[in-house]
PDB file of N, CA and C in Angstrom:
ATOM      1  N   UNK A   1       0.847  -1.180   0.000  1.00  0.00           N
ATOM      2  CA  UNK A   1       0.000   0.000   0.000  1.00  0.00           C
ATOM      3  C   UNK A   1       0.889   1.238   0.000  1.00  0.00           C
ATOM      4  N   UNK A   2       0.511   2.217  -0.799  1.00  0.00           N
ATOM      5  CA  UNK A   2       1.278   3.452  -0.840  1.00  0.00           C
ATOM      6  C   UNK A   2       0.883   4.350   0.330  1.00  0.00           C
ATOM      7  N   UNK A   3       1.749   5.257   0.655  1.00  0.00           N
ATOM      8  CA  UNK A   3       1.454   6.226   1.699  1.00  0.00           C
ATOM      9  C   UNK A   3       0.290   7.089   1.230  1.00  0.00           C
ATOM     10  N   UNK A   4      -0.622   7.385   2.123  1.00  0.00           N
ATOM     11  CA  UNK A   4      -1.763   8.248   1.823  1.00  0.00           C
ATOM     12  C   UNK A   4      -1.861   9.273   2.931  1.00  0.00           C
ATOM     13  N   UNK A   5      -1.997  10.554   2.611  1.00  0.00           N
ATOM     14  CA  UNK A   5      -2.050  11.564   3.675  1.00  0.00           C
ATOM     15  C   UNK A   5      -3.300  11.404   4.538  1.00  0.00           C
ATOM     16  N   UNK A   6      -3.217  11.876   5.763  1.00  0.00           N
ATOM     17  CA  UNK A   6      -4.374  11.808   6.670  1.00  0.00           C
ATOM     18  C   UNK A   6      -5.377  12.921   6.371  1.00  0.00           C
ATOM     19  N   UNK A   7      -4.944  13.942   5.661  1.00  0.00           N
ATOM     20  CA  UNK A   7      -5.810  15.042   5.232  1.00  0.00           C
ATOM     21  C   UNK A   7      -5.260  15.574   3.911  1.00  0.00           C
ATOM     22  N   UNK A   8      -6.120  16.187   3.121  1.00  0.00           N
ATOM     23  CA  UNK A   8      -5.649  16.781   1.873  1.00  0.00           C
ATOM     24  C   UNK A   8      -4.800  17.994   2.244  1.00  0.00           C
ATOM     25  N   UNK A   9      -3.529  17.984   1.857  1.00  0.00           N
ATOM     26  CA  UNK A   9      -2.652  19.089   2.265  1.00  0.00           C
ATOM     27  C   UNK A   9      -2.873  20.334   1.416  1.00  0.00           C
ATOM     28  N   UNK A  10      -2.393  21.448   1.910  1.00  0.00           N
ATOM     29  CA  UNK A  10      -2.314  22.675   1.128  1.00  0.00           C
ATOM     30  C   UNK A  10      -0.848  22.834   0.740  1.00  0.00           C
ATOM     31  N   UNK A  11      -0.618  23.004  -0.555  1.00  0.00           N
ATOM     32  CA  UNK A  11       0.736  23.138  -1.086  1.00  0.00           C
ATOM     33  C   UNK A  11       0.849  24.490  -1.758  1.00  0.00           C
ATOM     34  N   UNK A  12       1.945  25.194  -1.517  1.00  0.00           N
ATOM     35  CA  UNK A  12       2.094  26.531  -2.077  1.00  0.00           C
ATOM     36  C   UNK A  12       3.494  26.714  -2.622  1.00  0.00           C
ATOM     37  N   UNK A  13       3.581  27.292  -3.812  1.00  0.00           N
ATOM     38  CA  UNK A  13       4.875  27.637  -4.404  1.00  0.00           C
ATOM     39  C   UNK A  13       4.681  28.914  -5.218  1.00  0.00           C
ATOM     40  N   UNK A  14       5.370  29.971  -4.826  1.00  0.00           N
ATOM     41  CA  UNK A  14       5.227  31.240  -5.534  1.00  0.00           C
ATOM     42  C   UNK A  14       3.794  31.729  -5.485  1.00  0.00           C
ATOM     43  N   UNK A  15       3.219  31.953  -6.666  1.00  0.00           N
ATOM     44  CA  UNK A  15       1.859  32.468  -6.760  1.00  0.00           C
ATOM     45  C   UNK A  15       0.806  31.369  -6.853  1.00  0.00           C
ATOM     46  N   UNK A  16       1.221  30.113  -6.818  1.00  0.00           N
ATOM     47  CA  UNK A  16       0.290  29.001  -6.995  1.00  0.00           C
ATOM     48  C   UNK A  16       0.073  28.269  -5.668  1.00  0.00           C
ATOM     49  N   UNK A  17      -1.193  28.051  -5.339  1.00  0.00           N
ATOM     50  CA  UNK A  17      -1.558  27.280  -4.152  1.00  0.00           C
ATOM     51  C   UNK A  17      -2.478  26.147  -4.582  1.00  0.00           C
ATOM     52  N   UNK A  18      -2.182  24.935  -4.114  1.00  0.00           N
ATOM     53  CA  UNK A  18      -3.069  23.785  -4.283  1.00  0.00           C
ATOM     54  C   UNK A  18      -3.665  23.515  -2.909  1.00  0.00           C
ATOM     55  N   UNK A  19      -4.996  23.424  -2.847  1.00  0.00           N
ATOM     56  CA  UNK A  19      -5.664  23.260  -1.557  1.00  0.00           C
ATOM     57  C   UNK A  19      -6.906  22.404  -1.729  1.00  0.00           C
ATOM     58  N   UNK A  20      -7.436  21.893  -0.623  1.00  0.00           N
ATOM     59  CA  UNK A  20      -8.693  21.132  -0.711  1.00  0.00           C
ATOM     60  C   UNK A  20      -9.833  22.027  -1.209  1.00  0.00           C
ATOM     61  N   UNK A  21     -10.781  21.430  -1.901  1.00  0.00           N
ATOM     62  CA  UNK A  21     -11.941  22.211  -2.339  1.00  0.00           C
ATOM     63  C   UNK A  21     -12.836  22.522  -1.146  1.00  0.00           C
ATOM     64  N   UNK A  22     -13.670  23.530  -1.321  1.00  0.00           N
ATOM     65  CA  UNK A  22     -14.597  23.963  -0.266  1.00  0.00           C
ATOM     66  C   UNK A  22     -15.892  24.442  -0.923  1.00  0.00           C
ATOM     67  N   UNK A  23     -16.929  24.563  -0.119  1.00  0.00           N
ATOM     68  CA  UNK A  23     -18.228  25.027  -0.631  1.00  0.00           C
ATOM     69  C   UNK A  23     -18.093  26.350  -1.390  1.00  0.00           C
ATOM     70  N   UNK A  24     -17.183  27.213  -0.959  1.00  0.00           N
ATOM     71  CA  UNK A  24     -17.017  28.518  -1.613  1.00  0.00           C
ATOM     72  C   UNK A  24     -16.535  28.384  -3.054  1.00  0.00           C
ATOM     73  N   UNK A  25     -16.051  27.208  -3.458  1.00  0.00           N
ATOM     74  CA  UNK A  25     -15.528  26.998  -4.805  1.00  0.00           C
ATOM     75  C   UNK A  25     -16.596  26.585  -5.814  1.00  0.00           C
ATOM     76  N   UNK A  26     -17.795  26.263  -5.348  1.00  0.00           N
ATOM     77  CA  UNK A  26     -18.825  25.716  -6.235  1.00  0.00           C
ATOM     78  C   UNK A  26     -19.120  26.649  -7.408  1.00  0.00           C
ATOM     79  N   UNK A  27     -19.376  27.910  -7.144  1.00  0.00           N
ATOM     80  CA  UNK A  27     -19.693  28.844  -8.234  1.00  0.00           C
ATOM     81  C   UNK A  27     -18.516  29.016  -9.192  1.00  0.00           C
ATOM     82  N   UNK A  28     -17.311  29.066  -8.663  1.00  0.00           N
ATOM     83  CA  UNK A  28     -16.126  29.222  -9.514  1.00  0.00           C
ATOM     84  C   UNK A  28     -15.907  27.998 -10.390  1.00  0.00           C
ATOM     85  N   UNK A  29     -16.111  26.813  -9.833  1.00  0.00           N
ATOM     86  CA  UNK A  29     -15.962  25.583 -10.623  1.00  0.00           C
ATOM     87  C   UNK A  29     -17.024  25.545 -11.717  1.00  0.00           C
ATOM     88  N   UNK A  30     -18.256  25.886 -11.365  1.00  0.00           N
ATOM     89  CA  UNK A  30     -19.322  25.938 -12.364  1.00  0.00           C
ATOM     90  C   UNK A  30     -18.961  26.915 -13.484  1.00  0.00           C
ATOM     91  N   UNK A  31     -18.533  28.113 -13.134  1.00  0.00           N
ATOM     92  CA  UNK A  31     -18.183  29.124 -14.148  1.00  0.00           C
ATOM     93  C   UNK A  31     -17.048  28.650 -15.043  1.00  0.00           C
ATOM     94  N   UNK A  32     -16.028  28.072 -14.445  1.00  0.00           N
ATOM     95  CA  UNK A  32     -14.880  27.592 -15.226  1.00  0.00           C
ATOM     96  C   UNK A  32     -15.296  26.502 -16.206  1.00  0.00           C
ATOM     97  N   UNK A  33     -16.226  25.664 -15.806  1.00  0.00           N
ATOM     98  CA  UNK A  33     -16.649  24.540 -16.653  1.00  0.00           C
ATOM     99  C   UNK A  33     -17.589  24.958 -17.773  1.00  0.00           C
ATOM    100  N   UNK A  34     -17.895  26.230 -17.885  1.00  0.00           N
ATOM    101  CA  UNK A  34     -18.680  26.716 -19.014  1.00  0.00           C
ATOM    102  C   UNK A  34     -17.796  26.953 -20.237  1.00  0.00           C
ATOM    103  N   UNK A  35     -16.489  26.905 -20.054  1.00  0.00           N
ATOM    104  CA  UNK A  35     -15.543  27.034 -21.168  1.00  0.00           C
ATOM    105  C   UNK A  35     -15.752  25.853 -22.112  1.00  0.00           C
ATOM    106  N   UNK A  36     -16.070  26.077 -23.382  1.00  0.00           N
ATOM    107  CA  UNK A  36     -16.350  24.968 -24.307  1.00  0.00           C
ATOM    108  C   UNK A  36     -15.156  24.049 -24.561  1.00  0.00           C
ATOM    109  N   UNK A  37     -13.958  24.493 -24.244  1.00  0.00           N
ATOM    110  CA  UNK A  37     -12.792  23.627 -24.440  1.00  0.00           C
ATOM    111  C   UNK A  37     -12.663  22.558 -23.363  1.00  0.00           C
ATOM    112  N   UNK A  38     -13.224  22.816 -22.190  1.00  0.00           N
ATOM    113  CA  UNK A  38     -13.096  21.839 -21.103  1.00  0.00           C
ATOM    114  C   UNK A  38     -13.774  20.515 -21.458  1.00  0.00           C
ATOM    115  N   UNK A  39     -15.028  20.498 -21.909  1.00  0.00           N
ATOM    116  CA  UNK A  39     -15.601  19.194 -22.282  1.00  0.00           C
ATOM    117  C   UNK A  39     -14.963  18.592 -23.528  1.00  0.00           C
ATOM    118  N   UNK A  40     -14.331  19.411 -24.337  1.00  0.00           N
ATOM    119  CA  UNK A  40     -13.676  18.885 -25.543  1.00  0.00           C
ATOM    120  C   UNK A  40     -12.459  18.034 -25.195  1.00  0.00           C
ATOM    121  N   UNK A  41     -11.813  18.313 -24.070  1.00  0.00           N
ATOM    122  CA  UNK A  41     -10.577  17.619 -23.719  1.00  0.00           C
ATOM    123  C   UNK A  41     -10.631  16.874 -22.392  1.00  0.00           C
ATOM    124  N   UNK A  42     -11.784  16.881 -21.726  1.00  0.00           N
ATOM    125  CA  UNK A  42     -11.924  16.211 -20.434  1.00  0.00           C
ATOM    126  C   UNK A  42     -13.231  15.414 -20.417  1.00  0.00           C
ATOM    127  N   UNK A  43     -13.507  14.793 -19.307  1.00  0.00           N
ATOM    128  CA  UNK A  43     -14.775  14.058 -19.151  1.00  0.00           C
ATOM    129  C   UNK A  43     -15.885  14.946 -18.580  1.00  0.00           C
ATOM    130  N   UNK A  44     -15.626  16.228 -18.425  1.00  0.00           N
ATOM    131  CA  UNK A  44     -16.642  17.166 -17.945  1.00  0.00           C
ATOM    132  C   UNK A  44     -17.713  17.280 -19.029  1.00  0.00           C
ATOM    133  N   UNK A  45     -18.999  17.103 -18.672  1.00  0.00           N
ATOM    134  CA  UNK A  45     -20.052  17.186 -19.691  1.00  0.00           C
ATOM    135  C   UNK A  45     -20.215  18.601 -20.250  1.00  0.00           C
ATOM    136  N   UNK A  46     -20.578  18.682 -21.518  1.00  0.00           N
ATOM    137  CA  UNK A  46     -20.800  19.980 -22.162  1.00  0.00           C
ATOM    138  C   UNK A  46     -21.968  20.727 -21.525  1.00  0.00           C
ATOM    139  N   UNK A  47     -22.857  19.995 -20.904  1.00  0.00           N
ATOM    140  CA  UNK A  47     -24.025  20.603 -20.247  1.00  0.00           C
ATOM    141  C   UNK A  47     -23.806  20.674 -18.738  1.00  0.00           C
ATOM    142  N   UNK A  48     -22.599  21.065 -18.313  1.00  0.00           N
ATOM    143  CA  UNK A  48     -22.226  21.116 -16.899  1.00  0.00           C
ATOM    144  C   UNK A  48     -23.132  22.090 -16.161  1.00  0.00           C
ATOM    145  N   UNK A  49     -23.741  21.611 -15.083  1.00  0.00           N
ATOM    146  CA  UNK A  49     -24.693  22.421 -14.316  1.00  0.00           C
ATOM    147  C   UNK A  49     -24.133  22.762 -12.938  1.00  0.00           C
ATOM    148  N   UNK A  50     -24.836  23.627 -12.250  1.00  0.00           N
ATOM    149  CA  UNK A  50     -24.465  23.957 -10.880  1.00  0.00           C
ATOM    150  C   UNK A  50     -24.538  22.713  -9.999  1.00  0.00           C
ATOM    151  N   UNK A  51     -25.495  21.836 -10.250  1.00  0.00           N
ATOM    152  CA  UNK A  51     -25.594  20.587  -9.479  1.00  0.00           C
ATOM    153  C   UNK A  51     -24.364  19.704  -9.676  1.00  0.00           C
ATOM    154  N   UNK A  52     -23.802  19.696 -10.880  1.00  0.00           N
ATOM    155  CA  UNK A  52     -22.555  18.963 -11.109  1.00  0.00           C
ATOM    156  C   UNK A  52     -21.449  19.520 -10.211  1.00  0.00           C
ATOM    157  N   UNK A  53     -21.340  20.845 -10.153  1.00  0.00           N
ATOM    158  CA  UNK A  53     -20.300  21.478  -9.339  1.00  0.00           C
ATOM    159  C   UNK A  53     -20.500  21.171  -7.857  1.00  0.00           C
ATOM    160  N   UNK A  54     -21.744  21.189  -7.408  1.00  0.00           N
ATOM    161  CA  UNK A  54     -22.036  20.868  -6.005  1.00  0.00           C
ATOM    162  C   UNK A  54     -21.615  19.440  -5.702  1.00  0.00           C
ATOM    163  N   UNK A  55     -21.983  18.509  -6.559  1.00  0.00           N
ATOM    164  CA  UNK A  55     -21.613  17.101  -6.365  1.00  0.00           C
ATOM    165  C   UNK A  55     -20.101  16.922  -6.409  1.00  0.00           C
ATOM    166  N   UNK A  56     -19.453  17.630  -7.323  1.00  0.00           N
ATOM    167  CA  UNK A  56     -17.996  17.555  -7.457  1.00  0.00           C
ATOM    168  C   UNK A  56     -17.312  17.923  -6.144  1.00  0.00           C
ATOM    169  N   UNK A  57     -17.710  19.032  -5.557  1.00  0.00           N
ATOM    170  CA  UNK A  57     -17.092  19.495  -4.307  1.00  0.00           C
ATOM    171  C   UNK A  57     -17.482  18.595  -3.136  1.00  0.00           C
ATOM    172  N   UNK A  58     -18.726  18.242  -3.046  1.00  0.00           N
ATOM    173  CA  UNK A  58     -19.194  17.462  -1.891  1.00  0.00           C
ATOM    174  C   UNK A  58     -18.754  16.004  -1.932  1.00  0.00           C
ATOM    175  N   UNK A  59     -18.295  15.514  -3.088  1.00  0.00           N
ATOM    176  CA  UNK A  59     -17.807  14.132  -3.170  1.00  0.00           C
ATOM    177  C   UNK A  59     -16.340  14.012  -2.758  1.00  0.00           C
ATOM    178  N   UNK A  60     -15.664  15.132  -2.594  1.00  0.00           N
ATOM    179  CA  UNK A  60     -14.238  15.100  -2.222  1.00  0.00           C
ATOM    180  C   UNK A  60     -13.937  14.276  -0.973  1.00  0.00           C
ATOM    181  N   UNK A  61     -14.636  14.504   0.137  1.00  0.00           N
ATOM    182  CA  UNK A  61     -14.293  13.732   1.341  1.00  0.00           C
ATOM    183  C   UNK A  61     -14.427  12.219   1.139  1.00  0.00           C
ATOM    184  N   UNK A  62     -15.463  11.789   0.416  1.00  0.00           N
ATOM    185  CA  UNK A  62     -15.656  10.362   0.176  1.00  0.00           C
ATOM    186  C   UNK A  62     -14.549   9.805  -0.718  1.00  0.00           C
ATOM    187  N   UNK A  63     -14.272  10.473  -1.829  1.00  0.00           N
ATOM    188  CA  UNK A  63     -13.206  10.011  -2.742  1.00  0.00           C
ATOM    189  C   UNK A  63     -11.862   9.941  -2.032  1.00  0.00           C
ATOM    190  N   UNK A  64     -11.616  10.927  -1.185  1.00  0.00           N
ATOM    191  CA  UNK A  64     -10.357  10.955  -0.443  1.00  0.00           C
ATOM    192  C   UNK A  64     -10.298   9.829   0.582  1.00  0.00           C
ATOM    193  N   UNK A  65     -11.354   9.655   1.367  1.00  0.00           N
ATOM    194  CA  UNK A  65     -11.332   8.624   2.417  1.00  0.00           C
ATOM    195  C   UNK A  65     -11.260   7.218   1.825  1.00  0.00           C
ATOM    196  N   UNK A  66     -11.803   7.034   0.632  1.00  0.00           N
ATOM    197  CA  UNK A  66     -11.736   5.739  -0.051  1.00  0.00           C
ATOM    198  C   UNK A  66     -10.421   5.555  -0.815  1.00  0.00           C
ATOM    199  N   UNK A  67      -9.562   6.577  -0.760  1.00  0.00           N
ATOM    200  CA  UNK A  67      -8.258   6.561  -1.447  1.00  0.00           C
ATOM    201  C   UNK A  67      -8.401   6.365  -2.954  1.00  0.00           C
ATOM    202  N   UNK A  68      -9.451   6.974  -3.504  1.00  0.00           N
ATOM    203  CA  UNK A  68      -9.690   6.896  -4.940  1.00  0.00           C
ATOM    204  C   UNK A  68      -9.174   8.114  -5.678  1.00  0.00           C
ATOM    205  N   UNK A  69      -9.106   9.247  -4.967  1.00  0.00           N
ATOM    206  CA  UNK A  69      -8.727  10.480  -5.651  1.00  0.00           C
ATOM    207  C   UNK A  69      -8.146  11.475  -4.648  1.00  0.00           C
ATOM    208  N   UNK A  70      -7.145  12.188  -5.119  1.00  0.00           N
ATOM    209  CA  UNK A  70      -6.556  13.286  -4.356  1.00  0.00           C
ATOM    210  C   UNK A  70      -6.742  14.529  -5.224  1.00  0.00           C
ATOM    211  N   UNK A  71      -7.697  15.366  -4.834  1.00  0.00           N
ATOM    212  CA  UNK A  71      -8.109  16.502  -5.659  1.00  0.00           C
ATOM    213  C   UNK A  71      -7.735  17.809  -4.984  1.00  0.00           C
ATOM    214  N   UNK A  72      -7.280  18.763  -5.789  1.00  0.00           N
ATOM    215  CA  UNK A  72      -6.901  20.078  -5.294  1.00  0.00           C
ATOM    216  C   UNK A  72      -7.566  21.167  -6.124  1.00  0.00           C
ATOM    217  N   UNK A  73      -7.935  22.257  -5.481  1.00  0.00           N
ATOM    218  CA  UNK A  73      -8.292  23.487  -6.166  1.00  0.00           C
ATOM    219  C   UNK A  73      -6.984  24.238  -6.384  1.00  0.00           C
ATOM    220  N   UNK A  74      -6.854  24.866  -7.545  1.00  0.00           N
ATOM    221  CA  UNK A  74      -5.676  25.677  -7.855  1.00  0.00           C
ATOM    222  C   UNK A  74      -6.066  27.134  -7.653  1.00  0.00           C
ATOM    223  N   UNK A  75      -5.352  27.817  -6.769  1.00  0.00           N
ATOM    224  CA  UNK A  75      -5.513  29.258  -6.586  1.00  0.00           C
ATOM    225  C   UNK A  75      -4.276  29.936  -7.144  1.00  0.00           C
ATOM    226  N   UNK A  76      -4.462  31.144  -7.677  1.00  0.00           N
ATOM    227  CA  UNK A  76      -3.356  31.907  -8.233  1.00  0.00           C
ATOM    228  C   UNK A  76      -3.356  33.291  -7.608  1.00  0.00           C
ATOM    229  N   UNK A  77      -2.180  33.733  -7.152  1.00  0.00           N
ATOM    230  CA  UNK A  77      -2.046  35.040  -6.537  1.00  0.00           C
ATOM    231  C   UNK A  77      -1.740  34.913  -5.058  1.00  0.00           C
ATOM    232  N   UNK A  78      -1.692  36.054  -4.391  1.00  0.00           N
ATOM    233  CA  UNK A  78      -1.450  36.089  -2.945  1.00  0.00           C
ATOM    234  C   UNK A  78      -2.362  37.127  -2.298  1.00  0.00           C
ATOM    235  N   UNK A  79      -2.623  36.920  -1.028  1.00  0.00           N
ATOM    236  CA  UNK A  79      -3.402  37.895  -0.262  1.00  0.00           C
ATOM    237  C   UNK A  79      -4.737  38.221  -0.898  1.00  0.00           C
ATOM    238  N   UNK A  80      -5.017  39.525  -1.043  1.00  0.00           N
ATOM    239  CA  UNK A  80      -6.286  39.964  -1.618  1.00  0.00           C
ATOM    240  C   UNK A  80      -6.407  39.645  -3.100  1.00  0.00           C
ATOM    241  N   UNK A  81      -5.294  39.318  -3.766  1.00  0.00           N
ATOM    242  CA  UNK A  81      -5.312  38.996  -5.195  1.00  0.00           C
ATOM    243  C   UNK A  81      -5.498  37.505  -5.466  1.00  0.00           C
ATOM    244  N   UNK A  82      -5.659  36.688  -4.433  1.00  0.00           N
ATOM    245  CA  UNK A  82      -5.828  35.246  -4.596  1.00  0.00           C
ATOM    246  C   UNK A  82      -7.143  34.956  -5.317  1.00  0.00           C
ATOM    247  N   UNK A  83      -7.058  34.162  -6.411  1.00  0.00           N
ATOM    248  CA  UNK A  83      -8.242  33.851  -7.204  1.00  0.00           C
ATOM    249  C   UNK A  83      -8.265  32.378  -7.593  1.00  0.00           C
ATOM    250  N   UNK A  84      -9.464  31.832  -7.722  1.00  0.00           N
ATOM    251  CA  UNK A  84      -9.643  30.471  -8.213  1.00  0.00           C
ATOM    252  C   UNK A  84      -9.090  30.388  -9.638  1.00  0.00           C
ATOM    253  N   UNK A  85      -8.263  29.365  -9.902  1.00  0.00           N
ATOM    254  CA  UNK A  85      -7.669  29.221 -11.239  1.00  0.00           C
ATOM    255  C   UNK A  85      -7.952  27.868 -11.874  1.00  0.00           C
ATOM    256  N   UNK A  86      -8.437  26.884 -11.114  1.00  0.00           N
ATOM    257  CA  UNK A  86      -8.736  25.586 -11.711  1.00  0.00           C
ATOM    258  C   UNK A  86      -8.740  24.475 -10.688  1.00  0.00           C
ATOM    259  N   UNK A  87      -8.689  23.245 -11.209  1.00  0.00           N
ATOM    260  CA  UNK A  87      -8.712  22.040 -10.383  1.00  0.00           C
ATOM    261  C   UNK A  87      -7.725  21.038 -10.958  1.00  0.00           C
ATOM    262  N   UNK A  88      -7.052  20.300 -10.095  1.00  0.00           N
ATOM    263  CA  UNK A  88      -6.176  19.216 -10.523  1.00  0.00           C
ATOM    264  C   UNK A  88      -6.411  18.019  -9.598  1.00  0.00           C
ATOM    265  N   UNK A  89      -6.386  16.805 -10.166  1.00  0.00           N
ATOM    266  CA  UNK A  89      -6.584  15.630  -9.317  1.00  0.00           C
ATOM    267  C   UNK A  89      -5.741  14.465  -9.791  1.00  0.00           C
ATOM    268  N   UNK A  90      -5.358  13.650  -8.836  1.00  0.00           N
ATOM    269  CA  UNK A  90      -4.701  12.371  -9.093  1.00  0.00           C
ATOM    270  C   UNK A  90      -5.736  11.306  -8.775  1.00  0.00           C
ATOM    271  N   UNK A  91      -5.985  10.416  -9.724  1.00  0.00           N
ATOM    272  CA  UNK A  91      -6.997   9.391  -9.499  1.00  0.00           C
ATOM    273  C   UNK A  91      -6.648   8.123 -10.269  1.00  0.00           C
ATOM    274  N   UNK A  92      -7.479   7.104 -10.147  1.00  0.00           N
ATOM    275  CA  UNK A  92      -7.250   5.788 -10.749  1.00  0.00           C
ATOM    276  C   UNK A  92      -5.843   5.325 -10.365  1.00  0.00           C
ATOM    277  N   UNK A  93      -5.585   5.333  -9.088  1.00  0.00           N
ATOM    278  CA  UNK A  93      -4.268   4.994  -8.564  1.00  0.00           C
ATOM    279  C   UNK A  93      -4.124   3.480  -8.517  1.00  0.00           C
ATOM    280  N   UNK A  94      -3.100   2.975  -9.191  1.00  0.00           N
ATOM    281  CA  UNK A  94      -2.858   1.534  -9.270  1.00  0.00           C
ATOM    282  C   UNK A  94      -1.440   1.211  -8.843  1.00  0.00           C
ATOM    283  N   UNK A  95      -1.294   0.089  -8.159  1.00  0.00           N
ATOM    284  CA  UNK A  95       0.022  -0.394  -7.753  1.00  0.00           C
ATOM    285  C   UNK A  95       0.169  -1.795  -8.321  1.00  0.00           C
ATOM    286  N   UNK A  96       1.237  -2.012  -9.112  1.00  0.00           N
ATOM    287  CA  UNK A  96       1.424  -3.365  -9.646  1.00  0.00           C
ATOM    288  C   UNK A  96       2.283  -4.187  -8.695  1.00  0.00           C
ATOM    289  N   UNK A  97       2.531  -5.429  -9.058  1.00  0.00           N
ATOM    290  CA  UNK A  97       3.239  -6.333  -8.124  1.00  0.00           C
ATOM    291  C   UNK A  97       4.684  -5.933  -7.858  1.00  0.00           C
ATOM    292  N   UNK A  98       5.253  -5.062  -8.705  1.00  0.00           N
ATOM    293  CA  UNK A  98       6.606  -4.553  -8.465  1.00  0.00           C
ATOM    294  C   UNK A  98       6.591  -3.264  -7.641  1.00  0.00           C
ATOM    295  N   UNK A  99       5.424  -2.941  -7.098  1.00  0.00           N
ATOM    296  CA  UNK A  99       5.222  -1.713  -6.312  1.00  0.00           C
ATOM    297  C   UNK A  99       5.405  -0.440  -7.129  1.00  0.00           C
ATOM    298  N   UNK A 100       5.253  -0.550  -8.447  1.00  0.00           N
ATOM    299  CA  UNK A 100       5.220   0.646  -9.285  1.00  0.00           C
ATOM    300  C   UNK A 100       3.839   1.279  -9.131  1.00  0.00           C
ATOM    301  N   UNK A 101       3.810   2.568  -8.922  1.00  0.00           N
ATOM    302  CA  UNK A 101       2.549   3.271  -8.738  1.00  0.00           C
ATOM    303  C   UNK A 101       2.242   4.066 -10.002  1.00  0.00           C
ATOM    304  N   UNK A 102       1.026   3.932 -10.486  1.00  0.00           N
ATOM    305  CA  UNK A 102       0.575   4.660 -11.665  1.00  0.00           C
ATOM    306  C   UNK A 102      -0.738   5.342 -11.319  1.00  0.00           C
ATOM    307  N   UNK A 103      -0.936   6.528 -11.848  1.00  0.00           N
ATOM    308  CA  UNK A 103      -2.210   7.204 -11.653  1.00  0.00           C
ATOM    309  C   UNK A 103      -2.473   8.119 -12.840  1.00  0.00           C
ATOM    310  N   UNK A 104      -3.687   8.557 -12.951  1.00  0.00           N
ATOM    311  CA  UNK A 104      -4.058   9.547 -13.957  1.00  0.00           C
ATOM    312  C   UNK A 104      -4.066  10.915 -13.293  1.00  0.00           C
ATOM    313  N   UNK A 105      -3.660  11.906 -14.045  1.00  0.00           N
ATOM    314  CA  UNK A 105      -3.697  13.282 -13.565  1.00  0.00           C
ATOM    315  C   UNK A 105      -4.616  14.052 -14.498  1.00  0.00           C
ATOM    316  N   UNK A 106      -5.674  14.598 -13.957  1.00  0.00           N
ATOM    317  CA  UNK A 106      -6.598  15.431 -14.714  1.00  0.00           C
ATOM    318  C   UNK A 106      -6.533  16.841 -14.162  1.00  0.00           C
ATOM    319  N   UNK A 107      -6.654  17.800 -15.049  1.00  0.00           N
ATOM    320  CA  UNK A 107      -6.710  19.180 -14.581  1.00  0.00           C
ATOM    321  C   UNK A 107      -7.476  20.022 -15.579  1.00  0.00           C
ATOM    322  N   UNK A 108      -8.042  21.079 -15.091  1.00  0.00           N
ATOM    323  CA  UNK A 108      -8.557  22.129 -15.968  1.00  0.00           C
ATOM    324  C   UNK A 108      -8.199  23.467 -15.330  1.00  0.00           C
ATOM    325  N   UNK A 109      -7.792  24.356 -16.188  1.00  0.00           N
ATOM    326  CA  UNK A 109      -7.371  25.685 -15.743  1.00  0.00           C
ATOM    327  C   UNK A 109      -8.325  26.699 -16.351  1.00  0.00           C
ATOM    328  N   UNK A 110      -8.871  27.525 -15.509  1.00  0.00           N
ATOM    329  CA  UNK A 110      -9.779  28.584 -15.925  1.00  0.00           C
ATOM    330  C   UNK A 110      -9.085  29.394 -17.021  1.00  0.00           C
ATOM    331  N   UNK A 111      -9.781  29.673 -18.102  1.00  0.00           N
ATOM    332  CA  UNK A 111      -9.206  30.277 -19.300  1.00  0.00           C
ATOM    333  C   UNK A 111      -8.318  31.479 -19.009  1.00  0.00           C
ATOM    334  N   UNK A 112      -8.760  32.356 -18.137  1.00  0.00           N
ATOM    335  CA  UNK A 112      -7.983  33.586 -17.921  1.00  0.00           C
ATOM    336  C   UNK A 112      -6.644  33.346 -17.217  1.00  0.00           C
ATOM    337  N   UNK A 113      -6.418  32.134 -16.669  1.00  0.00           N
ATOM    338  CA  UNK A 113      -5.157  31.835 -15.989  1.00  0.00           C
ATOM    339  C   UNK A 113      -4.265  30.888 -16.774  1.00  0.00           C
ATOM    340  N   UNK A 114      -4.709  30.409 -17.919  1.00  0.00           N
ATOM    341  CA  UNK A 114      -3.941  29.422 -18.650  1.00  0.00           C
ATOM    342  C   UNK A 114      -2.545  29.894 -18.993  1.00  0.00           C
ATOM    343  N   UNK A 115      -2.405  31.072 -19.506  1.00  0.00           N
ATOM    344  CA  UNK A 115      -1.084  31.577 -19.879  1.00  0.00           C
ATOM    345  C   UNK A 115      -0.191  31.741 -18.647  1.00  0.00           C
ATOM    346  N   UNK A 116      -0.720  32.280 -17.548  1.00  0.00           N
ATOM    347  CA  UNK A 116       0.073  32.491 -16.333  1.00  0.00           C
ATOM    348  C   UNK A 116       0.558  31.175 -15.737  1.00  0.00           C
ATOM    349  N   UNK A 117      -0.334  30.190 -15.642  1.00  0.00           N
ATOM    350  CA  UNK A 117       0.027  28.944 -14.984  1.00  0.00           C
ATOM    351  C   UNK A 117       0.870  28.025 -15.864  1.00  0.00           C
ATOM    352  N   UNK A 118       0.637  28.014 -17.135  1.00  0.00           N
ATOM    353  CA  UNK A 118       1.395  27.127 -18.006  1.00  0.00           C
ATOM    354  C   UNK A 118       2.806  27.629 -18.251  1.00  0.00           C
ATOM    355  N   UNK A 119       3.085  28.869 -17.911  1.00  0.00           N
ATOM    356  CA  UNK A 119       4.433  29.419 -18.075  1.00  0.00           C
ATOM    357  C   UNK A 119       5.292  29.203 -16.843  1.00  0.00           C
ATOM    358  N   UNK A 120       4.734  28.631 -15.782  1.00  0.00           N
ATOM    359  CA  UNK A 120       5.510  28.426 -14.543  1.00  0.00           C
ATOM    360  C   UNK A 120       6.568  27.363 -14.726  1.00  0.00           C
TER     361      UNK A 120
END
């Protein structure tokens, strides 16, 4: 079994913070998922609703406790300039008999932050 954190950590480097999702992120996640490119390249449905965003955030504790997914909200900026920039998750975590660990990494970055975050 691989090491699994007891809580979703908050990680920060420069202007980027990865943190657990919270109820306050629901509207931002919904807004970000209205970008037509997100369903084109991810499993997010093209008809993403507010209920999808609510379920997405509220399913975090269960996915985490079942060790199925480690999901982070991406914030960009510091202090009063801190803004929601996207979501990243590690999921479908598999360990083979040689103890090699493999997982999928999914992310979406809110359109207005794509250039800033991809240049890091």
